[in-house]
C-alpha cells in the first residue's frame, strides 16, 4: 500500500499490533501480538489456496516479523451515533 501522505478520513485507526507469535492453521495462520495500547490481539488470516509446507514455513517467518495497522471504515461519525443513541434512550423515558 502506497502512503500518499493524505489522511483518509473514512477510516479510523483501531490498533497497531506487533506480531509475537504465528501459528499455522489448516487454511491459513493465527497471529498473536501486543498492540501499542498494551492490549493483546489475535488475528486470523485465511488463505483461499493451499500452500505446501515449505511455503507455509516461509510465510510464518515473514508474518512473525510483521507489524499490522488495523483501521475500520466509519459509516457515521461515532459521536453522532452516540448522540442519537442517547437521545433515543431519553425519549423513551
PDB file of N, CA and C in Angstrom:
ATOM      1  N   UNK A   1       0.825  -1.162   0.000  1.00  0.00           N
ATOM      2  CA  UNK A   1       0.000   0.000   0.000  1.00  0.00           C
ATOM      3  C   UNK A   1       0.882   1.243   0.000  1.00  0.00           C
ATOM      4  N   UNK A   2       0.676   2.121  -0.948  1.00  0.00           N
ATOM      5  CA  UNK A   2       1.496   3.322  -1.062  1.00  0.00           C
ATOM      6  C   UNK A   2       0.931   4.410  -0.153  1.00  0.00           C
ATOM      7  N   UNK A   3       1.793   5.044   0.622  1.00  0.00           N
ATOM      8  CA  UNK A   3       1.389   6.126   1.504  1.00  0.00           C
ATOM      9  C   UNK A   3       1.421   7.415   0.699  1.00  0.00           C
ATOM     10  N   UNK A   4       0.248   8.022   0.510  1.00  0.00           N
ATOM     11  CA  UNK A   4       0.154   9.240  -0.289  1.00  0.00           C
ATOM     12  C   UNK A   4       0.376  10.494   0.549  1.00  0.00           C
ATOM     13  N   UNK A   5       0.484  10.322   1.873  1.00  0.00           N
ATOM     14  CA  UNK A   5       0.669  11.467   2.740  1.00  0.00           C
ATOM     15  C   UNK A   5      -0.645  12.121   3.148  1.00  0.00           C
ATOM     16  N   UNK A   6      -1.740  11.745   2.499  1.00  0.00           N
ATOM     17  CA  UNK A   6      -3.053  12.291   2.828  1.00  0.00           C
ATOM     18  C   UNK A   6      -3.742  11.376   3.836  1.00  0.00           C
ATOM     19  N   UNK A   7      -4.363  11.976   4.825  1.00  0.00           N
ATOM     20  CA  UNK A   7      -5.107  11.191   5.810  1.00  0.00           C
ATOM     21  C   UNK A   7      -6.445  10.778   5.196  1.00  0.00           C
ATOM     22  N   UNK A   8      -6.763   9.508   5.274  1.00  0.00           N
ATOM     23  CA  UNK A   8      -8.037   9.006   4.780  1.00  0.00           C
ATOM     24  C   UNK A   8      -9.045   9.107   5.921  1.00  0.00           C
ATOM     25  N   UNK A   9      -9.958  10.053   5.824  1.00  0.00           N
ATOM     26  CA  UNK A   9     -10.896  10.301   6.916  1.00  0.00           C
ATOM     27  C   UNK A   9     -12.030   9.289   6.964  1.00  0.00           C
ATOM     28  N   UNK A  10     -12.119   8.400   5.976  1.00  0.00           N
ATOM     29  CA  UNK A  10     -13.174   7.394   6.026  1.00  0.00           C
ATOM     30  C   UNK A  10     -12.775   6.202   6.884  1.00  0.00           C
ATOM     31  N   UNK A  11     -11.525   6.123   7.282  1.00  0.00           N
ATOM     32  CA  UNK A  11     -11.044   5.042   8.141  1.00  0.00           C
ATOM     33  C   UNK A  11     -10.481   5.639   9.423  1.00  0.00           C
ATOM     34  N   UNK A  12     -10.760   4.967  10.532  1.00  0.00           N
ATOM     35  CA  UNK A  12     -10.185   5.404  11.807  1.00  0.00           C
ATOM     36  C   UNK A  12      -9.305   4.287  12.337  1.00  0.00           C
ATOM     37  N   UNK A  13      -8.165   4.642  12.934  1.00  0.00           N
ATOM     38  CA  UNK A  13      -7.272   3.615  13.469  1.00  0.00           C
ATOM     39  C   UNK A  13      -7.927   2.865  14.620  1.00  0.00           C
ATOM     40  N   UNK A  14      -7.747   1.553  14.628  1.00  0.00           N
ATOM     41  CA  UNK A  14      -8.255   0.707  15.710  1.00  0.00           C
ATOM     42  C   UNK A  14      -7.091   0.219  16.555  1.00  0.00           C
ATOM     43  N   UNK A  15      -6.044  -0.269  15.897  1.00  0.00           N
ATOM     44  CA  UNK A  15      -4.908  -0.813  16.646  1.00  0.00           C
ATOM     45  C   UNK A  15      -3.675  -0.877  15.764  1.00  0.00           C
ATOM     46  N   UNK A  16      -2.529  -0.809  16.433  1.00  0.00           N
ATOM     47  CA  UNK A  16      -1.247  -1.101  15.802  1.00  0.00           C
ATOM     48  C   UNK A  16      -0.679  -2.272  16.584  1.00  0.00           C
ATOM     49  N   UNK A  17      -0.465  -3.390  15.899  1.00  0.00           N
ATOM     50  CA  UNK A  17      -0.106  -4.639  16.575  1.00  0.00           C
ATOM     51  C   UNK A  17       1.238  -5.144  16.061  1.00  0.00           C
ATOM     52  N   UNK A  18       2.129  -5.478  16.999  1.00  0.00           N
ATOM     53  CA  UNK A  18       3.385  -6.137  16.672  1.00  0.00           C
ATOM     54  C   UNK A  18       3.176  -7.634  16.888  1.00  0.00           C
ATOM     55  N   UNK A  19       3.364  -8.413  15.844  1.00  0.00           N
ATOM     56  CA  UNK A  19       3.123  -9.853  15.909  1.00  0.00           C
ATOM     57  C   UNK A  19       4.244 -10.534  16.686  1.00  0.00           C
ATOM     58  N   UNK A  20       3.852 -11.321  17.697  1.00  0.00           N
ATOM     59  CA  UNK A  20       4.802 -12.065  18.518  1.00  0.00           C
ATOM     60  C   UNK A  20       4.799 -13.556  18.220  1.00  0.00           C
ATOM     61  N   UNK A  21       3.665 -14.057  17.751  1.00  0.00           N
ATOM     62  CA  UNK A  21       3.501 -15.496  17.569  1.00  0.00           C
ATOM     63  C   UNK A  21       2.661 -15.772  16.338  1.00  0.00           C
ATOM     64  N   UNK A  22       3.097 -16.731  15.527  1.00  0.00           N
ATOM     65  CA  UNK A  22       2.347 -17.146  14.346  1.00  0.00           C
ATOM     66  C   UNK A  22       2.131 -18.644  14.437  1.00  0.00           C
ATOM     67  N   UNK A  23       0.870 -19.062  14.341  1.00  0.00           N
ATOM     68  CA  UNK A  23       0.535 -20.486  14.343  1.00  0.00           C
ATOM     69  C   UNK A  23      -0.095 -20.858  13.010  1.00  0.00           C
ATOM     70  N   UNK A  24       0.535 -21.771  12.278  1.00  0.00           N
ATOM     71  CA  UNK A  24      -0.100 -22.235  11.043  1.00  0.00           C
ATOM     72  C   UNK A  24      -1.393 -22.982  11.375  1.00  0.00           C
ATOM     73  N   UNK A  25      -2.399 -22.780  10.569  1.00  0.00           N
ATOM     74  CA  UNK A  25      -3.679 -23.479  10.699  1.00  0.00           C
ATOM     75  C   UNK A  25      -3.926 -24.226   9.396  1.00  0.00           C
ATOM     76  N   UNK A  26      -4.989 -24.995   9.363  1.00  0.00           N
ATOM     77  CA  UNK A  26      -5.315 -25.793   8.175  1.00  0.00           C
ATOM     78  C   UNK A  26      -5.428 -24.927   6.920  1.00  0.00           C
ATOM     79  N   UNK A  27      -6.070 -23.763   7.053  1.00  0.00           N
ATOM     80  CA  UNK A  27      -6.327 -22.929   5.880  1.00  0.00           C
ATOM     81  C   UNK A  27      -5.772 -21.504   6.017  1.00  0.00           C
ATOM     82  N   UNK A  28      -4.746 -21.345   6.847  1.00  0.00           N
ATOM     83  CA  UNK A  28      -4.170 -20.013   6.996  1.00  0.00           C
ATOM     84  C   UNK A  28      -3.256 -19.938   8.202  1.00  0.00           C
ATOM     85  N   UNK A  29      -3.353 -18.838   8.933  1.00  0.00           N
ATOM     86  CA  UNK A  29      -2.495 -18.601  10.083  1.00  0.00           C
ATOM     87  C   UNK A  29      -3.266 -17.879  11.174  1.00  0.00           C
ATOM     88  N   UNK A  30      -2.861 -18.098  12.414  1.00  0.00           N
ATOM     89  CA  UNK A  30      -3.346 -17.311  13.540  1.00  0.00           C
ATOM     90  C   UNK A  30      -2.158 -16.506  14.040  1.00  0.00           C
ATOM     91  N   UNK A  31      -2.337 -15.199  14.118  1.00  0.00           N
ATOM     92  CA  UNK A  31      -1.280 -14.298  14.554  1.00  0.00           C
ATOM     93  C   UNK A  31      -1.678 -13.705  15.899  1.00  0.00           C
ATOM     94  N   UNK A  32      -0.732 -13.661  16.824  1.00  0.00           N
ATOM     95  CA  UNK A  32      -0.981 -13.052  18.121  1.00  0.00           C
ATOM     96  C   UNK A  32       0.088 -12.015  18.377  1.00  0.00           C
ATOM     97  N   UNK A  33      -0.306 -10.942  19.045  1.00  0.00           N
ATOM     98  CA  UNK A  33       0.659  -9.900  19.342  1.00  0.00           C
ATOM     99  C   UNK A  33       0.103  -8.890  20.309  1.00  0.00           C
ATOM    100  N   UNK A  34       0.939  -7.913  20.609  1.00  0.00           N
ATOM    101  CA  UNK A  34       0.578  -6.858  21.550  1.00  0.00           C
ATOM    102  C   UNK A  34       0.415  -5.564  20.778  1.00  0.00           C
ATOM    103  N   UNK A  35      -0.647  -4.849  21.101  1.00  0.00           N
ATOM    104  CA  UNK A  35      -0.907  -3.576  20.456  1.00  0.00           C
ATOM    105  C   UNK A  35      -0.196  -2.433  21.147  1.00  0.00           C
ATOM    106  N   UNK A  36      -0.127  -1.317  20.460  1.00  0.00           N
ATOM    107  CA  UNK A  36       0.500  -0.131  21.040  1.00  0.00           C
ATOM    108  C   UNK A  36      -0.289   0.373  22.248  1.00  0.00           C
ATOM    109  N   UNK A  37      -1.542  -0.086  22.391  1.00  0.00           N
ATOM    110  CA  UNK A  37      -2.366   0.278  23.548  1.00  0.00           C
ATOM    111  C   UNK A  37      -2.146  -0.671  24.728  1.00  0.00           C
ATOM    112  N   UNK A  38      -1.250  -1.665  24.565  1.00  0.00           N
ATOM    113  CA  UNK A  38      -0.937  -2.608  25.632  1.00  0.00           C
ATOM    114  C   UNK A  38      -1.842  -3.827  25.666  1.00  0.00           C
ATOM    115  N   UNK A  39      -2.863  -3.855  24.827  1.00  0.00           N
ATOM    116  CA  UNK A  39      -3.788  -4.990  24.790  1.00  0.00           C
ATOM    117  C   UNK A  39      -3.215  -6.115  23.930  1.00  0.00           C
ATOM    118  N   UNK A  40      -3.647  -7.342  24.216  1.00  0.00           N
ATOM    119  CA  UNK A  40      -3.271  -8.500  23.408  1.00  0.00           C
ATOM    120  C   UNK A  40      -4.287  -8.667  22.286  1.00  0.00           C
ATOM    121  N   UNK A  41      -3.803  -9.009  21.110  1.00  0.00           N
ATOM    122  CA  UNK A  41      -4.664  -9.181  19.936  1.00  0.00           C
ATOM    123  C   UNK A  41      -4.419 -10.545  19.312  1.00  0.00           C
ATOM    124  N   UNK A  42      -5.478 -11.108  18.730  1.00  0.00           N
ATOM    125  CA  UNK A  42      -5.378 -12.337  17.937  1.00  0.00           C
ATOM    126  C   UNK A  42      -6.065 -12.052  16.609  1.00  0.00           C
ATOM    127  N   UNK A  43      -5.353 -12.356  15.533  1.00  0.00           N
ATOM    128  CA  UNK A  43      -5.891 -12.146  14.197  1.00  0.00           C
ATOM    129  C   UNK A  43      -5.828 -13.471  13.449  1.00  0.00           C
ATOM    130  N   UNK A  44      -6.863 -13.763  12.714  1.00  0.00           N
ATOM    131  CA  UNK A  44      -6.873 -14.974  11.893  1.00  0.00           C
ATOM    132  C   UNK A  44      -6.803 -14.569  10.436  1.00  0.00           C
ATOM    133  N   UNK A  45      -5.888 -15.197   9.743  1.00  0.00           N
ATOM    134  CA  UNK A  45      -5.686 -14.925   8.324  1.00  0.00           C
ATOM    135  C   UNK A  45      -5.997 -16.202   7.559  1.00  0.00           C
ATOM    136  N   UNK A  46      -6.947 -16.157   6.670  1.00  0.00           N
ATOM    137  CA  UNK A  46      -7.347 -17.327   5.889  1.00  0.00           C
ATOM    138  C   UNK A  46      -6.855 -17.190   4.450  1.00  0.00           C
ATOM    139  N   UNK A  47      -6.395 -18.286   3.895  1.00  0.00           N
ATOM    140  CA  UNK A  47      -5.930 -18.326   2.510  1.00  0.00           C
ATOM    141  C   UNK A  47      -6.926 -19.118   1.683  1.00  0.00           C
ATOM    142  N   UNK A  48      -7.208 -18.647   0.486  1.00  0.00           N
ATOM    143  CA  UNK A  48      -8.127 -19.350  -0.407  1.00  0.00           C
ATOM    144  C   UNK A  48      -7.412 -20.386  -1.261  1.00  0.00           C
ATOM    145  N   UNK A  49      -6.127 -20.590  -1.009  1.00  0.00           N
ATOM    146  CA  UNK A  49      -5.370 -21.573  -1.788  1.00  0.00           C
ATOM    147  C   UNK A  49      -4.548 -22.426  -0.839  1.00  0.00           C
ATOM    148  N   UNK A  50      -4.256 -23.609  -1.260  1.00  0.00           N
ATOM    149  CA  UNK A  50      -3.398 -24.491  -0.469  1.00  0.00           C
ATOM    150  C   UNK A  50      -1.949 -24.097  -0.707  1.00  0.00           C
ATOM    151  N   UNK A  51      -1.163 -24.191   0.369  1.00  0.00           N
ATOM    152  CA  UNK A  51       0.269 -23.934   0.227  1.00  0.00           C
ATOM    153  C   UNK A  51       1.022 -25.133   0.786  1.00  0.00           C
ATOM    154  N   UNK A  52       2.167 -25.417   0.189  1.00  0.00           N
ATOM    155  CA  UNK A  52       2.957 -26.558   0.659  1.00  0.00           C
ATOM    156  C   UNK A  52       3.677 -26.188   1.956  1.00  0.00           C
ATOM    157  N   UNK A  53       4.271 -27.164   2.597  1.00  0.00           N
ATOM    158  CA  UNK A  53       4.922 -26.969   3.889  1.00  0.00           C
ATOM    159  C   UNK A  53       6.043 -25.951   3.869  1.00  0.00           C
ATOM    160  N   UNK A  54       6.825 -25.988   2.825  1.00  0.00           N
ATOM    161  CA  UNK A  54       7.949 -25.043   2.730  1.00  0.00           C
ATOM    162  C   UNK A  54       7.439 -23.611   2.620  1.00  0.00           C
ATOM    163  N   UNK A  55       6.436 -23.396   1.777  1.00  0.00           N
ATOM    164  CA  UNK A  55       5.852 -22.064   1.619  1.00  0.00           C
ATOM    165  C   UNK A  55       5.206 -21.612   2.922  1.00  0.00           C
ATOM    166  N   UNK A  56       4.529 -22.527   3.610  1.00  0.00           N
ATOM    167  CA  UNK A  56       3.891 -22.216   4.893  1.00  0.00           C
ATOM    168  C   UNK A  56       4.944 -21.764   5.911  1.00  0.00           C
ATOM    169  N   UNK A  57       6.103 -22.442   5.929  1.00  0.00           N
ATOM    170  CA  UNK A  57       7.184 -22.052   6.843  1.00  0.00           C
ATOM    171  C   UNK A  57       7.729 -20.663   6.529  1.00  0.00           C
ATOM    172  N   UNK A  58       7.900 -20.382   5.244  1.00  0.00           N
ATOM    173  CA  UNK A  58       8.406 -19.072   4.830  1.00  0.00           C
ATOM    174  C   UNK A  58       7.394 -17.985   5.198  1.00  0.00           C
ATOM    175  N   UNK A  59       6.127 -18.239   4.920  1.00  0.00           N
ATOM    176  CA  UNK A  59       5.092 -17.264   5.275  1.00  0.00           C
ATOM    177  C   UNK A  59       5.034 -17.044   6.783  1.00  0.00           C
ATOM    178  N   UNK A  60       5.159 -18.106   7.559  1.00  0.00           N
ATOM    179  CA  UNK A  60       5.156 -17.986   9.019  1.00  0.00           C
ATOM    180  C   UNK A  60       6.292 -17.084   9.488  1.00  0.00           C
ATOM    181  N   UNK A  61       7.479 -17.273   8.915  1.00  0.00           N
ATOM    182  CA  UNK A  61       8.636 -16.456   9.302  1.00  0.00           C
ATOM    183  C   UNK A  61       8.420 -14.995   8.929  1.00  0.00           C
ATOM    184  N   UNK A  62       7.908 -14.750   7.741  1.00  0.00           N
ATOM    185  CA  UNK A  62       7.647 -13.371   7.310  1.00  0.00           C
ATOM    186  C   UNK A  62       6.598 -12.727   8.210  1.00  0.00           C
ATOM    187  N   UNK A  63       5.506 -13.430   8.472  1.00  0.00           N
ATOM    188  CA  UNK A  63       4.430 -12.872   9.298  1.00  0.00           C
ATOM    189  C   UNK A  63       4.889 -12.630  10.734  1.00  0.00           C
ATOM    190  N   UNK A  64       5.795 -13.464  11.242  1.00  0.00           N
ATOM    191  CA  UNK A  64       6.256 -13.289  12.620  1.00  0.00           C
ATOM    192  C   UNK A  64       7.116 -12.032  12.773  1.00  0.00           C
ATOM    193  N   UNK A  65       7.568 -11.470  11.664  1.00  0.00           N
ATOM    194  CA  UNK A  65       8.374 -10.243  11.691  1.00  0.00           C
ATOM    195  C   UNK A  65       7.542  -9.023  11.297  1.00  0.00           C
ATOM    196  N   UNK A  66       6.214  -9.152  11.334  1.00  0.00           N
ATOM    197  CA  UNK A  66       5.367  -8.091  10.813  1.00  0.00           C
ATOM    198  C   UNK A  66       4.723  -7.243  11.908  1.00  0.00           C
ATOM    199  N   UNK A  67       4.307  -6.081  11.498  1.00  0.00           N
ATOM    200  CA  UNK A  67       3.513  -5.181  12.326  1.00  0.00           C
ATOM    201  C   UNK A  67       2.279  -4.826  11.511  1.00  0.00           C
ATOM    202  N   UNK A  68       1.139  -4.777  12.172  1.00  0.00           N
ATOM    203  CA  UNK A  68      -0.127  -4.536  11.488  1.00  0.00           C
ATOM    204  C   UNK A  68      -0.762  -3.255  11.992  1.00  0.00           C
ATOM    205  N   UNK A  69      -1.232  -2.439  11.082  1.00  0.00           N
ATOM    206  CA  UNK A  69      -2.041  -1.268  11.420  1.00  0.00           C
ATOM    207  C   UNK A  69      -3.461  -1.614  10.981  1.00  0.00           C
ATOM    208  N   UNK A  70      -4.351  -1.632  11.950  1.00  0.00           N
ATOM    209  CA  UNK A  70      -5.736  -2.027  11.677  1.00  0.00           C
ATOM    210  C   UNK A  70      -6.620  -0.798  11.801  1.00  0.00           C
ATOM    211  N   UNK A  71      -7.442  -0.566  10.785  1.00  0.00           N
ATOM    212  CA  UNK A  71      -8.366   0.561  10.775  1.00  0.00           C
ATOM    213  C   UNK A  71      -9.736   0.059  10.346  1.00  0.00           C
ATOM    214  N   UNK A  72     -10.756   0.799  10.722  1.00  0.00           N
ATOM    215  CA  UNK A  72     -12.104   0.438  10.306  1.00  0.00           C
ATOM    216  C   UNK A  72     -12.752   1.627   9.629  1.00  0.00           C
ATOM    217  N   UNK A  73     -13.636   1.322   8.683  1.00  0.00           N
ATOM    218  CA  UNK A  73     -14.362   2.378   7.978  1.00  0.00           C
ATOM    219  C   UNK A  73     -15.488   2.857   8.874  1.00  0.00           C
ATOM    220  N   UNK A  74     -15.639   4.154   8.950  1.00  0.00           N
ATOM    221  CA  UNK A  74     -16.703   4.739   9.750  1.00  0.00           C
ATOM    222  C   UNK A  74     -17.819   5.182   8.812  1.00  0.00           C
ATOM    223  N   UNK A  75     -18.991   4.579   8.996  1.00  0.00           N
ATOM    224  CA  UNK A  75     -20.132   4.944   8.158  1.00  0.00           C
ATOM    225  C   UNK A  75     -20.764   6.246   8.646  1.00  0.00           C
ATOM    226  N   UNK A  76     -20.842   6.408   9.951  1.00  0.00           N
ATOM    227  CA  UNK A  76     -21.329   7.651  10.551  1.00  0.00           C
ATOM    228  C   UNK A  76     -20.353   8.001  11.664  1.00  0.00           C
ATOM    229  N   UNK A  77     -20.096   9.275  11.851  1.00  0.00           N
ATOM    230  CA  UNK A  77     -19.184   9.645  12.936  1.00  0.00           C
ATOM    231  C   UNK A  77     -19.646   9.039  14.256  1.00  0.00           C
ATOM    232  N   UNK A  78     -18.684   8.535  15.031  1.00  0.00           N
ATOM    233  CA  UNK A  78     -19.022   7.852  16.275  1.00  0.00           C
ATOM    234  C   UNK A  78     -19.754   8.766  17.250  1.00  0.00           C
ATOM    235  N   UNK A  79     -19.379  10.020  17.333  1.00  0.00           N
ATOM    236  CA  UNK A  79     -20.036  10.955  18.248  1.00  0.00           C
ATOM    237  C   UNK A  79     -21.494  11.152  17.856  1.00  0.00           C
ATOM    238  N   UNK A  80     -21.777  11.298  16.579  1.00  0.00           N
ATOM    239  CA  UNK A  80     -23.157  11.478  16.129  1.00  0.00           C
ATOM    240  C   UNK A  80     -23.982  10.240  16.453  1.00  0.00           C
ATOM    241  N   UNK A  81     -23.399   9.074  16.264  1.00  0.00           N
ATOM    242  CA  UNK A  81     -24.106   7.832  16.563  1.00  0.00           C
ATOM    243  C   UNK A  81     -24.411   7.740  18.062  1.00  0.00           C
ATOM    244  N   UNK A  82     -23.456   8.131  18.897  1.00  0.00           N
ATOM    245  CA  UNK A  82     -23.644   8.102  20.343  1.00  0.00           C
ATOM    246  C   UNK A  82     -24.724   9.103  20.754  1.00  0.00           C
ATOM    247  N   UNK A  83     -24.720  10.292  20.159  1.00  0.00           N
ATOM    248  CA  UNK A  83     -25.755  11.286  20.465  1.00  0.00           C
ATOM    249  C   UNK A  83     -27.142  10.761  20.115  1.00  0.00           C
ATOM    250  N   UNK A  84     -27.272  10.128  18.945  1.00  0.00           N
ATOM    251  CA  UNK A  84     -28.573   9.572  18.537  1.00  0.00           C
ATOM    252  C   UNK A  84     -29.027   8.504  19.526  1.00  0.00           C
ATOM    253  N   UNK A  85     -28.084   7.663  19.947  1.00  0.00           N
ATOM    254  CA  UNK A  85     -28.406   6.596  20.883  1.00  0.00           C
ATOM    255  C   UNK A  85     -28.865   7.163  22.223  1.00  0.00           C
ATOM    256  N   UNK A  86     -28.164   8.191  22.707  1.00  0.00           N
ATOM    257  CA  UNK A  86     -28.534   8.832  23.975  1.00  0.00           C
ATOM    258  C   UNK A  86     -29.906   9.478  23.883  1.00  0.00           C
ATOM    259  N   UNK A  87     -30.135  10.218  22.789  1.00  0.00           N
ATOM    260  CA  UNK A  87     -31.422  10.904  22.659  1.00  0.00           C
ATOM    261  C   UNK A  87     -32.569   9.914  22.505  1.00  0.00           C
ATOM    262  N   UNK A  88     -32.327   8.789  21.870  1.00  0.00           N
ATOM    263  CA  UNK A  88     -33.356   7.753  21.752  1.00  0.00           C
ATOM    264  C   UNK A  88     -33.666   7.171  23.122  1.00  0.00           C
ATOM    265  N   UNK A  89     -32.644   7.009  23.968  1.00  0.00           N
ATOM    266  CA  UNK A  89     -32.855   6.485  25.314  1.00  0.00           C
ATOM    267  C   UNK A  89     -33.631   7.460  26.176  1.00  0.00           C
ATOM    268  N   UNK A  90     -33.400   8.765  26.011  1.00  0.00           N
ATOM    269  CA  UNK A  90     -34.094   9.779  26.801  1.00  0.00           C
ATOM    270  C   UNK A  90     -35.545   9.924  26.385  1.00  0.00           C
ATOM    271  N   UNK A  91     -35.815   9.800  25.092  1.00  0.00           N
ATOM    272  CA  UNK A  91     -37.184   9.962  24.624  1.00  0.00           C
ATOM    273  C   UNK A  91     -38.087   8.825  25.049  1.00  0.00           C
ATOM    274  N   UNK A  92     -37.477   7.687  25.373  1.00  0.00           N
ATOM    275  CA  UNK A  92     -38.256   6.526  25.797  1.00  0.00           C
ATOM    276  C   UNK A  92     -38.586   6.538  27.275  1.00  0.00           C
ATOM    277  N   UNK A  93     -38.097   7.546  28.016  1.00  0.00           N
ATOM    278  CA  UNK A  93     -38.323   7.608  29.479  1.00  0.00           C
ATOM    279  C   UNK A  93     -39.562   8.409  29.782  1.00  0.00           C
TER     280      UNK A  93
END
